[in-house]
Amino acid sequence: MILTDVPNVAINFGTPDQKNLGTLTVEEMEEYKAEGHFGTGSMGPKVQAALDFVNNGGERAIITSLDQALEAIENGLGTQVHGDEVEETNMIA
């Protein structure tokens, strides 16, 4: 689990098209990373750490805020990155 000051990782951050990410696969997160959504001075290192963890055998990585940490573990809140296919990518408006 990586704790930060926001509840979810987002794509198109700070624009009207911003989408908060819920549950997704490593492949999906890698695609967003390749598209340049995660800056090196902000979410980029957190996303890379999550990807590294799952790619090296971790079941899932979670990026979320401290106040949402327990619910992220128990109920899937925050951004959850899984190595296996997930039923549905969860984007939160």
PDB file of N, CA and C in Angstrom:
ATOM      1  N   MET A   1       0.848  -1.173   0.000  1.00  0.00           N
ATOM      2  CA  MET A   1       0.000   0.000   0.000  1.00  0.00           C
ATOM      3  C   MET A   1       0.889   1.230   0.000  1.00  0.00           C
ATOM      4  N   ILE A   2       0.540   2.149  -0.874  1.00  0.00           N
ATOM      5  CA  ILE A   2       1.232   3.429  -0.957  1.00  0.00           C
ATOM      6  C   ILE A   2       0.231   4.497  -0.549  1.00  0.00           C
ATOM      7  N   LEU A   3       0.570   5.232   0.497  1.00  0.00           N
ATOM      8  CA  LEU A   3      -0.321   6.272   0.994  1.00  0.00           C
ATOM      9  C   LEU A   3       0.102   7.623   0.452  1.00  0.00           C
ATOM     10  N   THR A   4      -0.884   8.384   0.018  1.00  0.00           N
ATOM     11  CA  THR A   4      -0.644   9.703  -0.552  1.00  0.00           C
ATOM     12  C   THR A   4      -1.755  10.634  -0.066  1.00  0.00           C
ATOM     13  N   ASP A   5      -1.806  11.833  -0.601  1.00  0.00           N
ATOM     14  CA  ASP A   5      -2.795  12.797  -0.099  1.00  0.00           C
ATOM     15  C   ASP A   5      -4.093  12.826  -0.897  1.00  0.00           C
ATOM     16  N   VAL A   6      -4.234  11.923  -1.853  1.00  0.00           N
ATOM     17  CA  VAL A   6      -5.475  11.842  -2.637  1.00  0.00           C
ATOM     18  C   VAL A   6      -6.022  10.417  -2.570  1.00  0.00           C
ATOM     19  N   PRO A   7      -7.340  10.242  -2.716  1.00  0.00           N
ATOM     20  CA  PRO A   7      -7.922   8.907  -2.591  1.00  0.00           C
ATOM     21  C   PRO A   7      -7.661   7.972  -3.761  1.00  0.00           C
ATOM     22  N   ASN A   8      -7.367   8.515  -4.949  1.00  0.00           N
ATOM     23  CA  ASN A   8      -7.167   7.695  -6.150  1.00  0.00           C
ATOM     24  C   ASN A   8      -6.126   8.317  -7.063  1.00  0.00           C
ATOM     25  N   VAL A   9      -5.516   7.478  -7.866  1.00  0.00           N
ATOM     26  CA  VAL A   9      -4.703   7.928  -8.990  1.00  0.00           C
ATOM     27  C   VAL A   9      -5.679   8.417 -10.064  1.00  0.00           C
ATOM     28  N   ALA A  10      -5.293   9.452 -10.820  1.00  0.00           N
ATOM     29  CA  ALA A  10      -6.178   9.980 -11.854  1.00  0.00           C
ATOM     30  C   ALA A  10      -5.440  10.093 -13.184  1.00  0.00           C
ATOM     31  N   ILE A  11      -6.205   9.971 -14.261  1.00  0.00           N
ATOM     32  CA  ILE A  11      -5.691  10.305 -15.588  1.00  0.00           C
ATOM     33  C   ILE A  11      -6.313  11.636 -15.986  1.00  0.00           C
ATOM     34  N   ASN A  12      -5.667  12.339 -16.901  1.00  0.00           N
ATOM     35  CA  ASN A  12      -6.116  13.673 -17.315  1.00  0.00           C
ATOM     36  C   ASN A  12      -6.259  14.594 -16.109  1.00  0.00           C
ATOM     37  N   PHE A  13      -5.329  14.458 -15.183  1.00  0.00           N
ATOM     38  CA  PHE A  13      -5.396  15.189 -13.913  1.00  0.00           C
ATOM     39  C   PHE A  13      -5.492  16.701 -14.138  1.00  0.00           C
ATOM     40  N   GLY A  14      -6.400  17.317 -13.399  1.00  0.00           N
ATOM     41  CA  GLY A  14      -6.551  18.760 -13.425  1.00  0.00           C
ATOM     42  C   GLY A  14      -7.276  19.312 -14.646  1.00  0.00           C
ATOM     43  N   THR A  15      -7.881  18.425 -15.436  1.00  0.00           N
ATOM     44  CA  THR A  15      -8.634  18.863 -16.613  1.00  0.00           C
ATOM     45  C   THR A  15     -10.104  18.491 -16.430  1.00  0.00           C
ATOM     46  N   PRO A  16     -10.973  19.027 -17.270  1.00  0.00           N
ATOM     47  CA  PRO A  16     -12.384  18.621 -17.194  1.00  0.00           C
ATOM     48  C   PRO A  16     -12.593  17.132 -17.478  1.00  0.00           C
ATOM     49  N   ASP A  17     -11.618  16.493 -18.134  1.00  0.00           N
ATOM     50  CA  ASP A  17     -11.717  15.066 -18.464  1.00  0.00           C
ATOM     51  C   ASP A  17     -11.071  14.163 -17.420  1.00  0.00           C
ATOM     52  N   GLN A  18     -10.767  14.701 -16.237  1.00  0.00           N
ATOM     53  CA  GLN A  18     -10.121  13.900 -15.199  1.00  0.00           C
ATOM     54  C   GLN A  18     -10.985  12.706 -14.820  1.00  0.00           C
ATOM     55  N   LYS A  19     -10.332  11.534 -14.728  1.00  0.00           N
ATOM     56  CA  LYS A  19     -10.993  10.302 -14.295  1.00  0.00           C
ATOM     57  C   LYS A  19     -10.138   9.672 -13.205  1.00  0.00           C
ATOM     58  N   ASN A  20     -10.740   9.380 -12.088  1.00  0.00           N
ATOM     59  CA  ASN A  20     -10.052   8.685 -11.009  1.00  0.00           C
ATOM     60  C   ASN A  20     -10.087   7.191 -11.291  1.00  0.00           C
ATOM     61  N   LEU A  21      -8.966   6.544 -11.065  1.00  0.00           N
ATOM     62  CA  LEU A  21      -8.849   5.115 -11.362  1.00  0.00           C
ATOM     63  C   LEU A  21      -9.150   4.282 -10.132  1.00  0.00           C
ATOM     64  N   GLY A  22      -9.936   3.228 -10.322  1.00  0.00           N
ATOM     65  CA  GLY A  22     -10.253   2.280  -9.263  1.00  0.00           C
ATOM     66  C   GLY A  22      -9.413   1.032  -9.425  1.00  0.00           C
ATOM     67  N   THR A  23     -10.018  -0.070  -9.827  1.00  0.00           N
ATOM     68  CA  THR A  23      -9.322  -1.349  -9.978  1.00  0.00           C
ATOM     69  C   THR A  23      -8.931  -1.559 -11.430  1.00  0.00           C
ATOM     70  N   LEU A  24      -7.659  -1.902 -11.651  1.00  0.00           N
ATOM     71  CA  LEU A  24      -7.184  -2.146 -12.998  1.00  0.00           C
ATOM     72  C   LEU A  24      -6.003  -3.106 -12.990  1.00  0.00           C
ATOM     73  N   THR A  25      -5.661  -3.579 -14.169  1.00  0.00           N
ATOM     74  CA  THR A  25      -4.550  -4.516 -14.304  1.00  0.00           C
ATOM     75  C   THR A  25      -3.241  -3.753 -14.492  1.00  0.00           C
ATOM     76  N   VAL A  26      -2.141  -4.480 -14.329  1.00  0.00           N
ATOM     77  CA  VAL A  26      -0.825  -3.911 -14.590  1.00  0.00           C
ATOM     78  C   VAL A  26      -0.774  -3.387 -16.021  1.00  0.00           C
ATOM     79  N   GLU A  27      -1.289  -4.171 -16.953  1.00  0.00           N
ATOM     80  CA  GLU A  27      -1.270  -3.776 -18.364  1.00  0.00           C
ATOM     81  C   GLU A  27      -1.983  -2.448 -18.589  1.00  0.00           C
ATOM     82  N   GLU A  28      -3.151  -2.287 -17.978  1.00  0.00           N
ATOM     83  CA  GLU A  28      -3.895  -1.033 -18.125  1.00  0.00           C
ATOM     84  C   GLU A  28      -3.118   0.135 -17.526  1.00  0.00           C
ATOM     85  N   MET A  29      -2.530  -0.071 -16.344  1.00  0.00           N
ATOM     86  CA  MET A  29      -1.764   0.997 -15.701  1.00  0.00           C
ATOM     87  C   MET A  29      -0.528   1.347 -16.532  1.00  0.00           C
ATOM     88  N   GLU A  30       0.114   0.337 -17.111  1.00  0.00           N
ATOM     89  CA  GLU A  30       1.276   0.574 -17.979  1.00  0.00           C
ATOM     90  C   GLU A  30       0.874   1.417 -19.196  1.00  0.00           C
ATOM     91  N   GLU A  31      -0.306   1.163 -19.757  1.00  0.00           N
ATOM     92  CA  GLU A  31      -0.783   1.943 -20.905  1.00  0.00           C
ATOM     93  C   GLU A  31      -0.960   3.407 -20.525  1.00  0.00           C
ATOM     94  N   TYR A  32      -1.586   3.663 -19.378  1.00  0.00           N
ATOM     95  CA  TYR A  32      -1.767   5.045 -18.930  1.00  0.00           C
ATOM     96  C   TYR A  32      -0.414   5.717 -18.677  1.00  0.00           C
ATOM     97  N   LYS A  33       0.511   4.960 -18.113  1.00  0.00           N
ATOM     98  CA  LYS A  33       1.851   5.488 -17.862  1.00  0.00           C
ATOM     99  C   LYS A  33       2.525   5.855 -19.182  1.00  0.00           C
ATOM    100  N   ALA A  34       2.446   4.978 -20.171  1.00  0.00           N
ATOM    101  CA  ALA A  34       3.055   5.222 -21.480  1.00  0.00           C
ATOM    102  C   ALA A  34       2.431   6.445 -22.168  1.00  0.00           C
ATOM    103  N   GLU A  35       1.175   6.708 -21.888  1.00  0.00           N
ATOM    104  CA  GLU A  35       0.497   7.876 -22.448  1.00  0.00           C
ATOM    105  C   GLU A  35       0.923   9.172 -21.750  1.00  0.00           C
ATOM    106  N   GLY A  36       1.701   9.074 -20.677  1.00  0.00           N
ATOM    107  CA  GLY A  36       2.221  10.254 -19.998  1.00  0.00           C
ATOM    108  C   GLY A  36       1.336  10.845 -18.930  1.00  0.00           C
ATOM    109  N   HIS A  37       0.450  10.050 -18.364  1.00  0.00           N
ATOM    110  CA  HIS A  37      -0.485  10.578 -17.368  1.00  0.00           C
ATOM    111  C   HIS A  37       0.123  10.829 -15.989  1.00  0.00           C
ATOM    112  N   PHE A  38       1.268  10.246 -15.671  1.00  0.00           N
ATOM    113  CA  PHE A  38       1.788  10.313 -14.313  1.00  0.00           C
ATOM    114  C   PHE A  38       3.152  10.990 -14.301  1.00  0.00           C
ATOM    115  N   GLY A  39       3.191  12.215 -13.810  1.00  0.00           N
ATOM    116  CA  GLY A  39       4.416  13.006 -13.801  1.00  0.00           C
ATOM    117  C   GLY A  39       5.471  12.470 -12.849  1.00  0.00           C
ATOM    118  N   THR A  40       6.734  12.707 -13.201  1.00  0.00           N
ATOM    119  CA  THR A  40       7.840  12.223 -12.362  1.00  0.00           C
ATOM    120  C   THR A  40       7.893  12.940 -11.014  1.00  0.00           C
ATOM    121  N   GLY A  41       7.346  14.137 -10.928  1.00  0.00           N
ATOM    122  CA  GLY A  41       7.351  14.869  -9.664  1.00  0.00           C
ATOM    123  C   GLY A  41       6.079  14.715  -8.870  1.00  0.00           C
ATOM    124  N   SER A  42       5.203  13.824  -9.304  1.00  0.00           N
ATOM    125  CA  SER A  42       3.935  13.659  -8.584  1.00  0.00           C
ATOM    126  C   SER A  42       3.584  12.186  -8.444  1.00  0.00           C
ATOM    127  N   MET A  43       2.662  11.689  -9.253  1.00  0.00           N
ATOM    128  CA  MET A  43       2.165  10.327  -9.103  1.00  0.00           C
ATOM    129  C   MET A  43       3.066   9.286  -9.778  1.00  0.00           C
ATOM    130  N   GLY A  44       3.941   9.701 -10.655  1.00  0.00           N
ATOM    131  CA  GLY A  44       4.790   8.774 -11.405  1.00  0.00           C
ATOM    132  C   GLY A  44       5.552   7.776 -10.549  1.00  0.00           C
ATOM    133  N   PRO A  45       6.299   8.213  -9.537  1.00  0.00           N
ATOM    134  CA  PRO A  45       7.038   7.253  -8.712  1.00  0.00           C
ATOM    135  C   PRO A  45       6.129   6.286  -7.947  1.00  0.00           C
ATOM    136  N   LYS A  46       4.973   6.738  -7.524  1.00  0.00           N
ATOM    137  CA  LYS A  46       4.031   5.874  -6.802  1.00  0.00           C
ATOM    138  C   LYS A  46       3.479   4.796  -7.740  1.00  0.00           C
ATOM    139  N   VAL A  47       3.113   5.214  -8.946  1.00  0.00           N
ATOM    140  CA  VAL A  47       2.609   4.260  -9.941  1.00  0.00           C
ATOM    141  C   VAL A  47       3.703   3.250 -10.279  1.00  0.00           C
ATOM    142  N   GLN A  48       4.925   3.704 -10.481  1.00  0.00           N
ATOM    143  CA  GLN A  48       6.014   2.787 -10.821  1.00  0.00           C
ATOM    144  C   GLN A  48       6.258   1.804  -9.688  1.00  0.00           C
ATOM    145  N   ALA A  49       6.220   2.265  -8.445  1.00  0.00           N
ATOM    146  CA  ALA A  49       6.412   1.363  -7.301  1.00  0.00           C
ATOM    147  C   ALA A  49       5.308   0.312  -7.246  1.00  0.00           C
ATOM    148  N   ALA A  50       4.074   0.710  -7.505  1.00  0.00           N
ATOM    149  CA  ALA A  50       2.957  -0.243  -7.529  1.00  0.00           C
ATOM    150  C   ALA A  50       3.153  -1.269  -8.631  1.00  0.00           C
ATOM    151  N   LEU A  51       3.543  -0.814  -9.811  1.00  0.00           N
ATOM    152  CA  LEU A  51       3.786  -1.731 -10.927  1.00  0.00           C
ATOM    153  C   LEU A  51       4.928  -2.694 -10.612  1.00  0.00           C
ATOM    154  N   ASP A  52       6.013  -2.173 -10.050  1.00  0.00           N
ATOM    155  CA  ASP A  52       7.158  -3.018  -9.697  1.00  0.00           C
ATOM    156  C   ASP A  52       6.753  -4.090  -8.692  1.00  0.00           C
ATOM    157  N   PHE A  53       5.965  -3.707  -7.692  1.00  0.00           N
ATOM    158  CA  PHE A  53       5.534  -4.654  -6.667  1.00  0.00           C
ATOM    159  C   PHE A  53       4.741  -5.809  -7.273  1.00  0.00           C
ATOM    160  N   VAL A  54       3.749  -5.485  -8.084  1.00  0.00           N
ATOM    161  CA  VAL A  54       2.908  -6.526  -8.673  1.00  0.00           C
ATOM    162  C   VAL A  54       3.700  -7.342  -9.697  1.00  0.00           C
ATOM    163  N   ASN A  55       4.525  -6.685 -10.494  1.00  0.00           N
ATOM    164  CA  ASN A  55       5.329  -7.407 -11.486  1.00  0.00           C
ATOM    165  C   ASN A  55       6.348  -8.344 -10.854  1.00  0.00           C
ATOM    166  N   ASN A  56       6.687  -8.117  -9.593  1.00  0.00           N
ATOM    167  CA  ASN A  56       7.647  -8.975  -8.892  1.00  0.00           C
ATOM    168  C   ASN A  56       6.975  -9.950  -7.936  1.00  0.00           C
ATOM    169  N   GLY A  57       5.695 -10.230  -8.184  1.00  0.00           N
ATOM    170  CA  GLY A  57       5.023 -11.282  -7.434  1.00  0.00           C
ATOM    171  C   GLY A  57       3.974 -10.857  -6.440  1.00  0.00           C
ATOM    172  N   GLY A  58       3.809  -9.565  -6.211  1.00  0.00           N
ATOM    173  CA  GLY A  58       2.769  -9.116  -5.294  1.00  0.00           C
ATOM    174  C   GLY A  58       1.383  -9.351  -5.878  1.00  0.00           C
ATOM    175  N   GLU A  59       0.432  -9.652  -5.009  1.00  0.00           N
ATOM    176  CA  GLU A  59      -0.930  -9.919  -5.476  1.00  0.00           C
ATOM    177  C   GLU A  59      -1.615  -8.661  -5.977  1.00  0.00           C
ATOM    178  N   ARG A  60      -1.492  -7.570  -5.228  1.00  0.00           N
ATOM    179  CA  ARG A  60      -2.079  -6.299  -5.620  1.00  0.00           C
ATOM    180  C   ARG A  60      -1.340  -5.175  -4.926  1.00  0.00           C
ATOM    181  N   ALA A  61      -1.377  -4.038  -5.548  1.00  0.00           N
ATOM    182  CA  ALA A  61      -0.830  -2.818  -4.955  1.00  0.00           C
ATOM    183  C   ALA A  61      -1.974  -1.817  -4.851  1.00  0.00           C
ATOM    184  N   ILE A  62      -1.959  -1.048  -3.785  1.00  0.00           N
ATOM    185  CA  ILE A  62      -3.011  -0.066  -3.546  1.00  0.00           C
ATOM    186  C   ILE A  62      -2.358   1.304  -3.399  1.00  0.00           C
ATOM    187  N   ILE A  63      -2.925   2.291  -4.073  1.00  0.00           N
ATOM    188  CA  ILE A  63      -2.520   3.682  -3.896  1.00  0.00           C
ATOM    189  C   ILE A  63      -3.757   4.429  -3.432  1.00  0.00           C
ATOM    190  N   THR A  64      -3.659   5.053  -2.256  1.00  0.00           N
ATOM    191  CA  THR A  64      -4.810   5.765  -1.704  1.00  0.00           C
ATOM    192  C   THR A  64      -4.358   6.716  -0.608  1.00  0.00           C
ATOM    193  N   SER A  65      -5.312   7.410  -0.025  1.00  0.00           N
ATOM    194  CA  SER A  65      -5.033   8.336   1.074  1.00  0.00           C
ATOM    195  C   SER A  65      -5.073   7.605   2.414  1.00  0.00           C
ATOM    196  N   LEU A  66      -4.423   8.176   3.404  1.00  0.00           N
ATOM    197  CA  LEU A  66      -4.381   7.576   4.737  1.00  0.00           C
ATOM    198  C   LEU A  66      -5.781   7.372   5.304  1.00  0.00           C
ATOM    199  N   ASP A  67      -6.660   8.348   5.128  1.00  0.00           N
ATOM    200  CA  ASP A  67      -8.002   8.226   5.712  1.00  0.00           C
ATOM    201  C   ASP A  67      -8.862   7.165   5.024  1.00  0.00           C
ATOM    202  N   GLN A  68      -8.410   6.654   3.893  1.00  0.00           N
ATOM    203  CA  GLN A  68      -9.161   5.629   3.163  1.00  0.00           C
ATOM    204  C   GLN A  68      -8.444   4.276   3.201  1.00  0.00           C
ATOM    205  N   ALA A  69      -7.344   4.170   3.925  1.00  0.00           N
ATOM    206  CA  ALA A  69      -6.491   2.977   3.884  1.00  0.00           C
ATOM    207  C   ALA A  69      -7.228   1.695   4.285  1.00  0.00           C
ATOM    208  N   LEU A  70      -7.907   1.686   5.393  1.00  0.00           N
ATOM    209  CA  LEU A  70      -8.592   0.482   5.852  1.00  0.00           C
ATOM    210  C   LEU A  70      -9.679   0.062   4.869  1.00  0.00           C
ATOM    211  N   GLU A  71     -10.461   1.029   4.401  1.00  0.00           N
ATOM    212  CA  GLU A  71     -11.514   0.700   3.425  1.00  0.00           C
ATOM    213  C   GLU A  71     -10.919   0.221   2.109  1.00  0.00           C
ATOM    214  N   ALA A  72      -9.742   0.708   1.760  1.00  0.00           N
ATOM    215  CA  ALA A  72      -9.092   0.245   0.534  1.00  0.00           C
ATOM    216  C   ALA A  72      -8.725  -1.227   0.652  1.00  0.00           C
ATOM    217  N   ILE A  73      -8.227  -1.632   1.809  1.00  0.00           N
ATOM    218  CA  ILE A  73      -7.858  -3.031   2.026  1.00  0.00           C
ATOM    219  C   ILE A  73      -9.101  -3.907   2.080  1.00  0.00           C
ATOM    220  N   GLU A  74     -10.095  -3.481   2.828  1.00  0.00           N
ATOM    221  CA  GLU A  74     -11.271  -4.321   3.065  1.00  0.00           C
ATOM    222  C   GLU A  74     -12.318  -4.259   1.956  1.00  0.00           C
ATOM    223  N   ASN A  75     -12.465  -3.088   1.311  1.00  0.00           N
ATOM    224  CA  ASN A  75     -13.576  -2.902   0.379  1.00  0.00           C
ATOM    225  C   ASN A  75     -13.165  -2.456  -1.017  1.00  0.00           C
ATOM    226  N   GLY A  76     -11.874  -2.437  -1.313  1.00  0.00           N
ATOM    227  CA  GLY A  76     -11.429  -2.134  -2.665  1.00  0.00           C
ATOM    228  C   GLY A  76     -11.433  -0.678  -3.067  1.00  0.00           C
ATOM    229  N   LEU A  77     -11.454   0.243  -2.089  1.00  0.00           N
ATOM    230  CA  LEU A  77     -11.390   1.656  -2.453  1.00  0.00           C
ATOM    231  C   LEU A  77      -9.972   2.014  -2.876  1.00  0.00           C
ATOM    232  N   GLY A  78      -9.779   3.238  -3.330  1.00  0.00           N
ATOM    233  CA  GLY A  78      -8.478   3.678  -3.806  1.00  0.00           C
ATOM    234  C   GLY A  78      -8.216   3.117  -5.195  1.00  0.00           C
ATOM    235  N   THR A  79      -6.981   3.236  -5.635  1.00  0.00           N
ATOM    236  CA  THR A  79      -6.568   2.645  -6.906  1.00  0.00           C
ATOM    237  C   THR A  79      -5.900   1.323  -6.603  1.00  0.00           C
ATOM    238  N   GLN A  80      -6.433   0.248  -7.168  1.00  0.00           N
ATOM    239  CA  GLN A  80      -5.956  -1.109  -6.926  1.00  0.00           C
ATOM    240  C   GLN A  80      -5.381  -1.657  -8.227  1.00  0.00           C
ATOM    241  N   VAL A  81      -4.125  -2.086  -8.173  1.00  0.00           N
ATOM    242  CA  VAL A  81      -3.457  -2.629  -9.354  1.00  0.00           C
ATOM    243  C   VAL A  81      -3.243  -4.115  -9.134  1.00  0.00           C
ATOM    244  N   HIS A  82      -3.768  -4.933 -10.040  1.00  0.00           N
ATOM    245  CA  HIS A  82      -3.679  -6.387  -9.957  1.00  0.00           C
ATOM    246  C   HIS A  82      -2.869  -6.934 -11.129  1.00  0.00           C
ATOM    247  N   GLY A  83      -2.185  -8.039 -10.908  1.00  0.00           N
ATOM    248  CA  GLY A  83      -1.436  -8.684 -11.972  1.00  0.00           C
ATOM    249  C   GLY A  83      -2.318  -9.482 -12.899  1.00  0.00           C
ATOM    250  N   ASP A  84      -3.373 -10.072 -12.365  1.00  0.00           N
ATOM    251  CA  ASP A  84      -4.284 -10.886 -13.162  1.00  0.00           C
ATOM    252  C   ASP A  84      -5.386 -10.014 -13.739  1.00  0.00           C
ATOM    253  N   GLU A  85      -6.110 -10.595 -14.669  1.00  0.00           N
ATOM    254  CA  GLU A  85      -7.250  -9.888 -15.246  1.00  0.00           C
ATOM    255  C   GLU A  85      -8.263  -9.588 -14.149  1.00  0.00           C
ATOM    256  N   VAL A  86      -8.863  -8.426 -14.226  1.00  0.00           N
ATOM    257  CA  VAL A  86      -9.938  -8.065 -13.312  1.00  0.00           C
ATOM    258  C   VAL A  86     -11.221  -8.023 -14.122  1.00  0.00           C
ATOM    259  N   GLU A  87     -12.336  -8.240 -13.456  1.00  0.00           N
ATOM    260  CA  GLU A  87     -13.607  -8.320 -14.167  1.00  0.00           C
ATOM    261  C   GLU A  87     -13.904  -7.056 -14.953  1.00  0.00           C
ATOM    262  N   GLU A  88     -13.596  -5.904 -14.365  1.00  0.00           N
ATOM    263  CA  GLU A  88     -13.963  -4.657 -15.020  1.00  0.00           C
ATOM    264  C   GLU A  88     -13.059  -3.562 -14.493  1.00  0.00           C
ATOM    265  N   THR A  89     -12.579  -2.715 -15.392  1.00  0.00           N
ATOM    266  CA  THR A  89     -11.809  -1.562 -14.967  1.00  0.00           C
ATOM    267  C   THR A  89     -12.762  -0.588 -14.314  1.00  0.00           C
ATOM    268  N   ASN A  90     -12.361  -0.092 -13.184  1.00  0.00           N
ATOM    269  CA  ASN A  90     -13.221   0.781 -12.416  1.00  0.00           C
ATOM    270  C   ASN A  90     -12.712   2.209 -12.523  1.00  0.00           C
ATOM    271  N   MET A  91     -13.423   3.024 -13.250  1.00  0.00           N
ATOM    272  CA  MET A  91     -13.114   4.457 -13.300  1.00  0.00           C
ATOM    273  C   MET A  91     -14.162   5.156 -12.489  1.00  0.00           C
ATOM    274  N   ILE A  92     -13.704   6.073 -11.677  1.00  0.00           N
ATOM    275  CA  ILE A  92     -14.591   6.797 -10.801  1.00  0.00           C
ATOM    276  C   ILE A  92     -14.676   8.235 -11.312  1.00  0.00           C
ATOM    277  N   ALA A  93     -15.858   8.721 -11.550  1.00  0.00           N
ATOM    278  CA  ALA A  93     -16.025  10.087 -12.100  1.00  0.00           C
ATOM    279  C   ALA A  93     -15.524  11.130 -11.149  1.00  0.00           C
TER     280      ALA A  93
END
